Amino acid sequence: MLRHSTPEQSEEPIWDLVRRVRRLRGLTQYQLADRLAELSNNSSVSRDEVARWERGKRVPGPYWRQWLSVALGVPVDQLLEAVRCGRLRRAAGRN
């Protein structure tokens, strides 16, 4: 499992976390979407949805966060903290 190693990463918004870990795992957005669809047995996720998460246009809900945790090897709590960070940044007008 991936853990925070620096203070900056602990304040990482969800869009940066998903992009960083996906790249670290050597996955494309298409591959991550395919992996999520396979793991969840739910084909409603697409590369476009992954791209929206990574651009901060959408935030993955609890359902997809649990599968992102499995697909990327990131604890659900870390994803939840990244969601909180992203929402705070968005409310403050920072991306």
PDB file of N, CA and C in Angstrom:
ATOM      1  N   MET A   1       0.832  -1.181   0.000  1.00  0.00           N
ATOM      2  CA  MET A   1       0.000   0.000   0.000  1.00  0.00           C
ATOM      3  C   MET A   1       0.879   1.249   0.000  1.00  0.00           C
ATOM      4  N   LEU A   2       0.401   2.253  -0.666  1.00  0.00           N
ATOM      5  CA  LEU A   2       1.118   3.511  -0.755  1.00  0.00           C
ATOM      6  C   LEU A   2       0.841   4.333   0.496  1.00  0.00           C
ATOM      7  N   ARG A   3       1.840   4.945   1.029  1.00  0.00           N
ATOM      8  CA  ARG A   3       1.682   5.805   2.197  1.00  0.00           C
ATOM      9  C   ARG A   3       2.244   7.178   1.871  1.00  0.00           C
ATOM     10  N   HIS A   4       1.788   8.167   2.633  1.00  0.00           N
ATOM     11  CA  HIS A   4       2.313   9.517   2.460  1.00  0.00           C
ATOM     12  C   HIS A   4       3.760   9.550   2.934  1.00  0.00           C
ATOM     13  N   SER A   5       4.613  10.196   2.146  1.00  0.00           N
ATOM     14  CA  SER A   5       6.007  10.253   2.556  1.00  0.00           C
ATOM     15  C   SER A   5       6.465  11.679   2.820  1.00  0.00           C
ATOM     16  N   THR A   6       5.720  12.661   2.358  1.00  0.00           N
ATOM     17  CA  THR A   6       6.099  14.044   2.599  1.00  0.00           C
ATOM     18  C   THR A   6       4.872  14.834   3.017  1.00  0.00           C
ATOM     19  N   PRO A   7       5.086  15.955   3.705  1.00  0.00           N
ATOM     20  CA  PRO A   7       3.944  16.776   4.099  1.00  0.00           C
ATOM     21  C   PRO A   7       3.134  17.259   2.897  1.00  0.00           C
ATOM     22  N   GLU A   8       3.797  17.568   1.789  1.00  0.00           N
ATOM     23  CA  GLU A   8       3.086  18.046   0.611  1.00  0.00           C
ATOM     24  C   GLU A   8       2.096  16.995   0.109  1.00  0.00           C
ATOM     25  N   GLN A   9       2.499  15.725   0.132  1.00  0.00           N
ATOM     26  CA  GLN A   9       1.633  14.669  -0.360  1.00  0.00           C
ATOM     27  C   GLN A   9       0.417  14.485   0.536  1.00  0.00           C
ATOM     28  N   SER A  10       0.545  14.795   1.827  1.00  0.00           N
ATOM     29  CA  SER A  10      -0.594  14.626   2.718  1.00  0.00           C
ATOM     30  C   SER A  10      -1.669  15.666   2.417  1.00  0.00           C
ATOM     31  N   GLU A  11      -1.311  16.711   1.692  1.00  0.00           N
ATOM     32  CA  GLU A  11      -2.278  17.727   1.298  1.00  0.00           C
ATOM     33  C   GLU A  11      -2.518  17.661  -0.204  1.00  0.00           C
ATOM     34  N   GLU A  12      -2.447  16.476  -0.739  1.00  0.00           N
ATOM     35  CA  GLU A  12      -2.596  16.259  -2.168  1.00  0.00           C
ATOM     36  C   GLU A  12      -4.075  16.078  -2.512  1.00  0.00           C
ATOM     37  N   PRO A  13      -4.593  16.885  -3.439  1.00  0.00           N
ATOM     38  CA  PRO A  13      -5.996  16.704  -3.824  1.00  0.00           C
ATOM     39  C   PRO A  13      -6.190  15.409  -4.598  1.00  0.00           C
ATOM     40  N   ILE A  14      -7.410  14.945  -4.628  1.00  0.00           N
ATOM     41  CA  ILE A  14      -7.733  13.664  -5.252  1.00  0.00           C
ATOM     42  C   ILE A  14      -7.273  13.609  -6.703  1.00  0.00           C
ATOM     43  N   TRP A  15      -7.417  14.709  -7.434  1.00  0.00           N
ATOM     44  CA  TRP A  15      -7.037  14.676  -8.852  1.00  0.00           C
ATOM     45  C   TRP A  15      -5.550  14.446  -9.025  1.00  0.00           C
ATOM     46  N   ASP A  16      -4.721  15.034  -8.159  1.00  0.00           N
ATOM     47  CA  ASP A  16      -3.275  14.810  -8.252  1.00  0.00           C
ATOM     48  C   ASP A  16      -2.901  13.407  -7.782  1.00  0.00           C
ATOM     49  N   LEU A  17      -3.547  12.942  -6.721  1.00  0.00           N
ATOM     50  CA  LEU A  17      -3.252  11.610  -6.192  1.00  0.00           C
ATOM     51  C   LEU A  17      -3.555  10.524  -7.223  1.00  0.00           C
ATOM     52  N   VAL A  18      -4.731  10.577  -7.824  1.00  0.00           N
ATOM     53  CA  VAL A  18      -5.100   9.550  -8.810  1.00  0.00           C
ATOM     54  C   VAL A  18      -4.123   9.573  -9.977  1.00  0.00           C
ATOM     55  N   ARG A  19      -3.818  10.761 -10.506  1.00  0.00           N
ATOM     56  CA  ARG A  19      -2.899  10.863 -11.643  1.00  0.00           C
ATOM     57  C   ARG A  19      -1.501  10.347 -11.274  1.00  0.00           C
ATOM     58  N   ARG A  20      -0.993  10.794 -10.117  1.00  0.00           N
ATOM     59  CA  ARG A  20       0.364  10.416  -9.711  1.00  0.00           C
ATOM     60  C   ARG A  20       0.490   8.904  -9.533  1.00  0.00           C
ATOM     61  N   VAL A  21      -0.455   8.304  -8.814  1.00  0.00           N
ATOM     62  CA  VAL A  21      -0.358   6.872  -8.534  1.00  0.00           C
ATOM     63  C   VAL A  21      -0.614   6.056  -9.799  1.00  0.00           C
ATOM     64  N   ARG A  22      -1.544   6.505 -10.635  1.00  0.00           N
ATOM     65  CA  ARG A  22      -1.784   5.795 -11.902  1.00  0.00           C
ATOM     66  C   ARG A  22      -0.499   5.747 -12.726  1.00  0.00           C
ATOM     67  N   ARG A  23       0.177   6.884 -12.824  1.00  0.00           N
ATOM     68  CA  ARG A  23       1.436   6.934 -13.590  1.00  0.00           C
ATOM     69  C   ARG A  23       2.512   6.086 -12.925  1.00  0.00           C
ATOM     70  N   LEU A  24       2.584   6.157 -11.601  1.00  0.00           N
ATOM     71  CA  LEU A  24       3.553   5.355 -10.852  1.00  0.00           C
ATOM     72  C   LEU A  24       3.358   3.870 -11.127  1.00  0.00           C
ATOM     73  N   ARG A  25       2.120   3.462 -11.279  1.00  0.00           N
ATOM     74  CA  ARG A  25       1.796   2.058 -11.570  1.00  0.00           C
ATOM     75  C   ARG A  25       1.948   1.724 -13.056  1.00  0.00           C
ATOM     76  N   GLY A  26       2.285   2.731 -13.870  1.00  0.00           N
ATOM     77  CA  GLY A  26       2.500   2.494 -15.296  1.00  0.00           C
ATOM     78  C   GLY A  26       1.224   2.262 -16.079  1.00  0.00           C
ATOM     79  N   LEU A  27       0.128   2.834 -15.604  1.00  0.00           N
ATOM     80  CA  LEU A  27      -1.166   2.639 -16.257  1.00  0.00           C
ATOM     81  C   LEU A  27      -1.570   3.875 -17.051  1.00  0.00           C
ATOM     82  N   THR A  28      -2.221   3.654 -18.177  1.00  0.00           N
ATOM     83  CA  THR A  28      -2.856   4.749 -18.903  1.00  0.00           C
ATOM     84  C   THR A  28      -4.240   4.968 -18.299  1.00  0.00           C
ATOM     85  N   GLN A  29      -4.878   6.058 -18.680  1.00  0.00           N
ATOM     86  CA  GLN A  29      -6.246   6.285 -18.219  1.00  0.00           C
ATOM     87  C   GLN A  29      -7.164   5.172 -18.714  1.00  0.00           C
ATOM     88  N   TYR A  30      -6.945   4.724 -19.947  1.00  0.00           N
ATOM     89  CA  TYR A  30      -7.744   3.614 -20.485  1.00  0.00           C
ATOM     90  C   TYR A  30      -7.550   2.348 -19.652  1.00  0.00           C
ATOM     91  N   GLN A  31      -6.298   2.052 -19.309  1.00  0.00           N
ATOM     92  CA  GLN A  31      -6.013   0.837 -18.541  1.00  0.00           C
ATOM     93  C   GLN A  31      -6.627   0.903 -17.144  1.00  0.00           C
ATOM     94  N   LEU A  32      -6.561   2.081 -16.523  1.00  0.00           N
ATOM     95  CA  LEU A  32      -7.172   2.220 -15.199  1.00  0.00           C
ATOM     96  C   LEU A  32      -8.687   2.034 -15.294  1.00  0.00           C
ATOM     97  N   ALA A  33      -9.303   2.634 -16.292  1.00  0.00           N
ATOM     98  CA  ALA A  33     -10.753   2.468 -16.472  1.00  0.00           C
ATOM     99  C   ALA A  33     -11.098   0.997 -16.694  1.00  0.00           C
ATOM    100  N   ASP A  34     -10.313   0.314 -17.519  1.00  0.00           N
ATOM    101  CA  ASP A  34     -10.556  -1.114 -17.759  1.00  0.00           C
ATOM    102  C   ASP A  34     -10.393  -1.932 -16.481  1.00  0.00           C
ATOM    103  N   ARG A  35      -9.365  -1.599 -15.712  1.00  0.00           N
ATOM    104  CA  ARG A  35      -9.124  -2.322 -14.457  1.00  0.00           C
ATOM    105  C   ARG A  35     -10.278  -2.100 -13.479  1.00  0.00           C
ATOM    106  N   LEU A  36     -10.745  -0.859 -13.382  1.00  0.00           N
ATOM    107  CA  LEU A  36     -11.871  -0.553 -12.497  1.00  0.00           C
ATOM    108  C   LEU A  36     -13.128  -1.296 -12.934  1.00  0.00           C
ATOM    109  N   ALA A  37     -13.374  -1.329 -14.239  1.00  0.00           N
ATOM    110  CA  ALA A  37     -14.553  -2.030 -14.763  1.00  0.00           C
ATOM    111  C   ALA A  37     -14.476  -3.519 -14.453  1.00  0.00           C
ATOM    112  N   GLU A  38     -13.288  -4.080 -14.616  1.00  0.00           N
ATOM    113  CA  GLU A  38     -13.106  -5.515 -14.356  1.00  0.00           C
ATOM    114  C   GLU A  38     -13.260  -5.841 -12.870  1.00  0.00           C
ATOM    115  N   LEU A  39     -12.604  -5.057 -12.020  1.00  0.00           N
ATOM    116  CA  LEU A  39     -12.659  -5.315 -10.579  1.00  0.00           C
ATOM    117  C   LEU A  39     -14.073  -5.162 -10.022  1.00  0.00           C
ATOM    118  N   SER A  40     -14.767  -4.136 -10.485  1.00  0.00           N
ATOM    119  CA  SER A  40     -16.087  -3.819  -9.938  1.00  0.00           C
ATOM    120  C   SER A  40     -17.219  -4.542 -10.650  1.00  0.00           C
ATOM    121  N   ASN A  41     -16.889  -5.149 -11.785  1.00  0.00           N
ATOM    122  CA  ASN A  41     -17.910  -5.779 -12.631  1.00  0.00           C
ATOM    123  C   ASN A  41     -18.974  -4.753 -13.033  1.00  0.00           C
ATOM    124  N   ASN A  42     -18.492  -3.519 -13.282  1.00  0.00           N
ATOM    125  CA  ASN A  42     -19.363  -2.397 -13.630  1.00  0.00           C
ATOM    126  C   ASN A  42     -18.696  -1.637 -14.766  1.00  0.00           C
ATOM    127  N   SER A  43     -19.260  -1.740 -15.952  1.00  0.00           N
ATOM    128  CA  SER A  43     -18.628  -1.136 -17.131  1.00  0.00           C
ATOM    129  C   SER A  43     -19.001   0.327 -17.335  1.00  0.00           C
ATOM    130  N   SER A  44     -19.616   0.955 -16.342  1.00  0.00           N
ATOM    131  CA  SER A  44     -20.033   2.347 -16.520  1.00  0.00           C
ATOM    132  C   SER A  44     -18.880   3.340 -16.409  1.00  0.00           C
ATOM    133  N   VAL A  45     -17.726   2.911 -15.945  1.00  0.00           N
ATOM    134  CA  VAL A  45     -16.576   3.813 -15.849  1.00  0.00           C
ATOM    135  C   VAL A  45     -15.824   3.789 -17.173  1.00  0.00           C
ATOM    136  N   SER A  46     -15.341   4.959 -17.582  1.00  0.00           N
ATOM    137  CA  SER A  46     -14.637   5.079 -18.859  1.00  0.00           C
ATOM    138  C   SER A  46     -13.364   5.896 -18.680  1.00  0.00           C
ATOM    139  N   ARG A  47     -12.563   5.935 -19.722  1.00  0.00           N
ATOM    140  CA  ARG A  47     -11.369   6.769 -19.703  1.00  0.00           C
ATOM    141  C   ARG A  47     -11.767   8.221 -19.487  1.00  0.00           C
ATOM    142  N   ASP A  48     -12.881   8.642 -20.077  1.00  0.00           N
ATOM    143  CA  ASP A  48     -13.338  10.021 -19.905  1.00  0.00           C
ATOM    144  C   ASP A  48     -13.627  10.336 -18.442  1.00  0.00           C
ATOM    145  N   GLU A  49     -14.199   9.383 -17.721  1.00  0.00           N
ATOM    146  CA  GLU A  49     -14.479   9.600 -16.297  1.00  0.00           C
ATOM    147  C   GLU A  49     -13.174   9.702 -15.507  1.00  0.00           C
ATOM    148  N   VAL A  50     -12.218   8.828 -15.803  1.00  0.00           N
ATOM    149  CA  VAL A  50     -10.908   8.903 -15.149  1.00  0.00           C
ATOM    150  C   VAL A  50     -10.272  10.265 -15.433  1.00  0.00           C
ATOM    151  N   ALA A  51     -10.353  10.724 -16.674  1.00  0.00           N
ATOM    152  CA  ALA A  51      -9.792  12.029 -17.040  1.00  0.00           C
ATOM    153  C   ALA A  51     -10.481  13.155 -16.265  1.00  0.00           C
ATOM    154  N   ARG A  52     -11.793  13.068 -16.090  1.00  0.00           N
ATOM    155  CA  ARG A  52     -12.510  14.095 -15.316  1.00  0.00           C
ATOM    156  C   ARG A  52     -12.047  14.099 -13.861  1.00  0.00           C
ATOM    157  N   TRP A  53     -11.816  12.915 -13.288  1.00  0.00           N
ATOM    158  CA  TRP A  53     -11.290  12.851 -11.923  1.00  0.00           C
ATOM    159  C   TRP A  53      -9.926  13.516 -11.857  1.00  0.00           C
ATOM    160  N   GLU A  54      -9.074  13.232 -12.838  1.00  0.00           N
ATOM    161  CA  GLU A  54      -7.707  13.755 -12.821  1.00  0.00           C
ATOM    162  C   GLU A  54      -7.642  15.257 -13.109  1.00  0.00           C
ATOM    163  N   ARG A  55      -8.627  15.792 -13.783  1.00  0.00           N
ATOM    164  CA  ARG A  55      -8.670  17.233 -14.044  1.00  0.00           C
ATOM    165  C   ARG A  55      -9.390  17.990 -12.930  1.00  0.00           C
ATOM    166  N   GLY A  56      -9.955  17.263 -11.983  1.00  0.00           N
ATOM    167  CA  GLY A  56     -10.680  17.901 -10.896  1.00  0.00           C
ATOM    168  C   GLY A  56     -12.073  18.362 -11.291  1.00  0.00           C
ATOM    169  N   LYS A  57     -12.566  17.874 -12.414  1.00  0.00           N
ATOM    170  CA  LYS A  57     -13.917  18.234 -12.860  1.00  0.00           C
ATOM    171  C   LYS A  57     -14.971  17.458 -12.084  1.00  0.00           C
ATOM    172  N   ARG A  58     -14.613  16.266 -11.661  1.00  0.00           N
ATOM    173  CA  ARG A  58     -15.498  15.427 -10.846  1.00  0.00           C
ATOM    174  C   ARG A  58     -14.672  14.781  -9.745  1.00  0.00           C
ATOM    175  N   VAL A  59     -15.359  14.396  -8.697  1.00  0.00           N
ATOM    176  CA  VAL A  59     -14.721  13.693  -7.583  1.00  0.00           C
ATOM    177  C   VAL A  59     -15.300  12.282  -7.554  1.00  0.00           C
ATOM    178  N   PRO A  60     -14.438  11.265  -7.533  1.00  0.00           N
ATOM    179  CA  PRO A  60     -14.978   9.906  -7.455  1.00  0.00           C
ATOM    180  C   PRO A  60     -15.755   9.717  -6.149  1.00  0.00           C
ATOM    181  N   GLY A  61     -16.947   9.167  -6.272  1.00  0.00           N
ATOM    182  CA  GLY A  61     -17.781   8.924  -5.096  1.00  0.00           C
ATOM    183  C   GLY A  61     -17.287   7.723  -4.312  1.00  0.00           C
ATOM    184  N   PRO A  62     -17.935   7.435  -3.195  1.00  0.00           N
ATOM    185  CA  PRO A  62     -17.508   6.321  -2.342  1.00  0.00           C
ATOM    186  C   PRO A  62     -17.415   4.989  -3.082  1.00  0.00           C
ATOM    187  N   TYR A  63     -18.349   4.730  -3.991  1.00  0.00           N
ATOM    188  CA  TYR A  63     -18.321   3.467  -4.741  1.00  0.00           C
ATOM    189  C   TYR A  63     -17.018   3.335  -5.523  1.00  0.00           C
ATOM    190  N   TRP A  64     -16.669   4.369  -6.291  1.00  0.00           N
ATOM    191  CA  TRP A  64     -15.457   4.280  -7.110  1.00  0.00           C
ATOM    192  C   TRP A  64     -14.192   4.424  -6.276  1.00  0.00           C
ATOM    193  N   ARG A  65     -14.263   5.144  -5.150  1.00  0.00           N
ATOM    194  CA  ARG A  65     -13.078   5.241  -4.286  1.00  0.00           C
ATOM    195  C   ARG A  65     -12.678   3.874  -3.758  1.00  0.00           C
ATOM    196  N   GLN A  66     -13.653   3.032  -3.400  1.00  0.00           N
ATOM    197  CA  GLN A  66     -13.285   1.696  -2.904  1.00  0.00           C
ATOM    198  C   GLN A  66     -12.567   0.910  -3.995  1.00  0.00           C
ATOM    199  N   TRP A  67     -12.993   1.045  -5.247  1.00  0.00           N
ATOM    200  CA  TRP A  67     -12.353   0.314  -6.339  1.00  0.00           C
ATOM    201  C   TRP A  67     -11.028   0.957  -6.742  1.00  0.00           C
ATOM    202  N   LEU A  68     -10.936   2.282  -6.640  1.00  0.00           N
ATOM    203  CA  LEU A  68      -9.642   2.934  -6.882  1.00  0.00           C
ATOM    204  C   LEU A  68      -8.620   2.451  -5.860  1.00  0.00           C
ATOM    205  N   SER A  69      -9.050   2.268  -4.625  1.00  0.00           N
ATOM    206  CA  SER A  69      -8.170   1.758  -3.582  1.00  0.00           C
ATOM    207  C   SER A  69      -7.578   0.415  -3.987  1.00  0.00           C
ATOM    208  N   VAL A  70      -8.419  -0.472  -4.485  1.00  0.00           N
ATOM    209  CA  VAL A  70      -7.964  -1.800  -4.910  1.00  0.00           C
ATOM    210  C   VAL A  70      -7.092  -1.692  -6.156  1.00  0.00           C
ATOM    211  N   ALA A  71      -7.545  -0.944  -7.149  1.00  0.00           N
ATOM    212  CA  ALA A  71      -6.846  -0.862  -8.435  1.00  0.00           C
ATOM    213  C   ALA A  71      -5.483  -0.196  -8.321  1.00  0.00           C
ATOM    214  N   LEU A  72      -5.374   0.804  -7.437  1.00  0.00           N
ATOM    215  CA  LEU A  72      -4.126   1.565  -7.332  1.00  0.00           C
ATOM    216  C   LEU A  72      -3.294   1.194  -6.111  1.00  0.00           C
ATOM    217  N   GLY A  73      -3.858   0.408  -5.201  1.00  0.00           N
ATOM    218  CA  GLY A  73      -3.108   0.036  -4.003  1.00  0.00           C
ATOM    219  C   GLY A  73      -2.946   1.189  -3.030  1.00  0.00           C
ATOM    220  N   VAL A  74      -3.974   2.019  -2.931  1.00  0.00           N
ATOM    221  CA  VAL A  74      -3.964   3.183  -2.046  1.00  0.00           C
ATOM    222  C   VAL A  74      -5.055   2.973  -0.996  1.00  0.00           C
ATOM    223  N   PRO A  75      -4.752   3.185   0.280  1.00  0.00           N
ATOM    224  CA  PRO A  75      -5.783   3.008   1.308  1.00  0.00           C
ATOM    225  C   PRO A  75      -6.989   3.925   1.073  1.00  0.00           C
ATOM    226  N   VAL A  76      -8.170   3.419   1.355  1.00  0.00           N
ATOM    227  CA  VAL A  76      -9.394   4.206   1.186  1.00  0.00           C
ATOM    228  C   VAL A  76      -9.311   5.495   1.995  1.00  0.00           C
ATOM    229  N   ASP A  77      -8.736   5.429   3.194  1.00  0.00           N
ATOM    230  CA  ASP A  77      -8.612   6.625   4.035  1.00  0.00           C
ATOM    231  C   ASP A  77      -7.770   7.700   3.355  1.00  0.00           C
ATOM    232  N   GLN A  78      -6.734   7.289   2.641  1.00  0.00           N
ATOM    233  CA  GLN A  78      -5.890   8.245   1.926  1.00  0.00           C
ATOM    234  C   GLN A  78      -6.684   8.903   0.789  1.00  0.00           C
ATOM    235  N   LEU A  79      -7.492   8.119   0.104  1.00  0.00           N
ATOM    236  CA  LEU A  79      -8.335   8.677  -0.955  1.00  0.00           C
ATOM    237  C   LEU A  79      -9.355   9.651  -0.368  1.00  0.00           C
ATOM    238  N   LEU A  80      -9.945   9.288   0.757  1.00  0.00           N
ATOM    239  CA  LEU A  80     -10.923  10.163   1.403  1.00  0.00           C
ATOM    240  C   LEU A  80     -10.274  11.477   1.823  1.00  0.00           C
ATOM    241  N   GLU A  81      -9.077  11.406   2.370  1.00  0.00           N
ATOM    242  CA  GLU A  81      -8.364  12.626   2.761  1.00  0.00           C
ATOM    243  C   GLU A  81      -8.056  13.484   1.537  1.00  0.00           C
ATOM    244  N   ALA A  82      -7.715  12.850   0.429  1.00  0.00           N
ATOM    245  CA  ALA A  82      -7.440  13.582  -0.814  1.00  0.00           C
ATOM    246  C   ALA A  82      -8.714  14.240  -1.350  1.00  0.00           C
ATOM    247  N   VAL A  83      -9.857  13.588  -1.167  1.00  0.00           N
ATOM    248  CA  VAL A  83     -11.139  14.188  -1.556  1.00  0.00           C
ATOM    249  C   VAL A  83     -11.384  15.436  -0.712  1.00  0.00           C
ATOM    250  N   ARG A  84     -11.179  15.318   0.590  1.00  0.00           N
ATOM    251  CA  ARG A  84     -11.366  16.473   1.486  1.00  0.00           C
ATOM    252  C   ARG A  84     -10.449  17.621   1.081  1.00  0.00           C
ATOM    253  N   CYS A  85      -9.199  17.293   0.817  1.00  0.00           N
ATOM    254  CA  CYS A  85      -8.233  18.306   0.403  1.00  0.00           C
ATOM    255  C   CYS A  85      -8.690  18.982  -0.887  1.00  0.00           C
ATOM    256  N   GLY A  86      -9.128  18.192  -1.850  1.00  0.00           N
ATOM    257  CA  GLY A  86      -9.594  18.744  -3.119  1.00  0.00           C
ATOM    258  C   GLY A  86     -10.791  19.661  -2.939  1.00  0.00           C
ATOM    259  N   ARG A  87     -11.720  19.255  -2.098  1.00  0.00           N
ATOM    260  CA  ARG A  87     -12.908  20.088  -1.867  1.00  0.00           C
ATOM    261  C   ARG A  87     -12.537  21.397  -1.178  1.00  0.00           C
ATOM    262  N   LEU A  88     -11.603  21.336  -0.230  1.00  0.00           N
ATOM    263  CA  LEU A  88     -11.151  22.561   0.434  1.00  0.00           C
ATOM    264  C   LEU A  88     -10.450  23.487  -0.549  1.00  0.00           C
ATOM    265  N   ARG A  89      -9.604  22.920  -1.391  1.00  0.00           N
ATOM    266  CA  ARG A  89      -8.909  23.732  -2.395  1.00  0.00           C
ATOM    267  C   ARG A  89      -9.896  24.357  -3.368  1.00  0.00           C
ATOM    268  N   ARG A  90     -10.855  23.562  -3.784  1.00  0.00           N
ATOM    269  CA  ARG A  90     -11.861  24.062  -4.721  1.00  0.00           C
ATOM    270  C   ARG A  90     -12.651  25.210  -4.081  1.00  0.00           C
ATOM    271  N   ALA A  91     -13.031  25.046  -2.815  1.00  0.00           N
ATOM    272  CA  ALA A  91     -13.786  26.088  -2.107  1.00  0.00           C
ATOM    273  C   ALA A  91     -12.964  27.364  -1.946  1.00  0.00           C
ATOM    274  N   ALA A  92     -11.646  27.195  -1.828  1.00  0.00           N
ATOM    275  CA  ALA A  92     -10.756  28.344  -1.684  1.00  0.00           C
ATOM    276  C   ALA A  92     -10.367  28.936  -3.038  1.00  0.00           C
ATOM    277  N   GLY A  93     -10.827  28.299  -4.117  1.00  0.00           N
ATOM    278  CA  GLY A  93     -10.524  28.802  -5.454  1.00  0.00           C
ATOM    279  C   GLY A  93      -9.167  28.409  -5.983  1.00  0.00           C
ATOM    280  N   ARG A  94      -8.561  27.368  -5.398  1.00  0.00           N
ATOM    281  CA  ARG A  94      -7.249  26.891  -5.860  1.00  0.00           C
ATOM    282  C   ARG A  94      -7.395  25.508  -6.450  1.00  0.00           C
ATOM    283  N   ASN A  95      -6.688  25.277  -7.557  1.00  0.00           N
ATOM    284  CA  ASN A  95      -6.616  23.927  -8.130  1.00  0.00           C
ATOM    285  C   ASN A  95      -5.238  23.489  -8.112  1.00  0.00           C
TER     286      ASN A  95
END
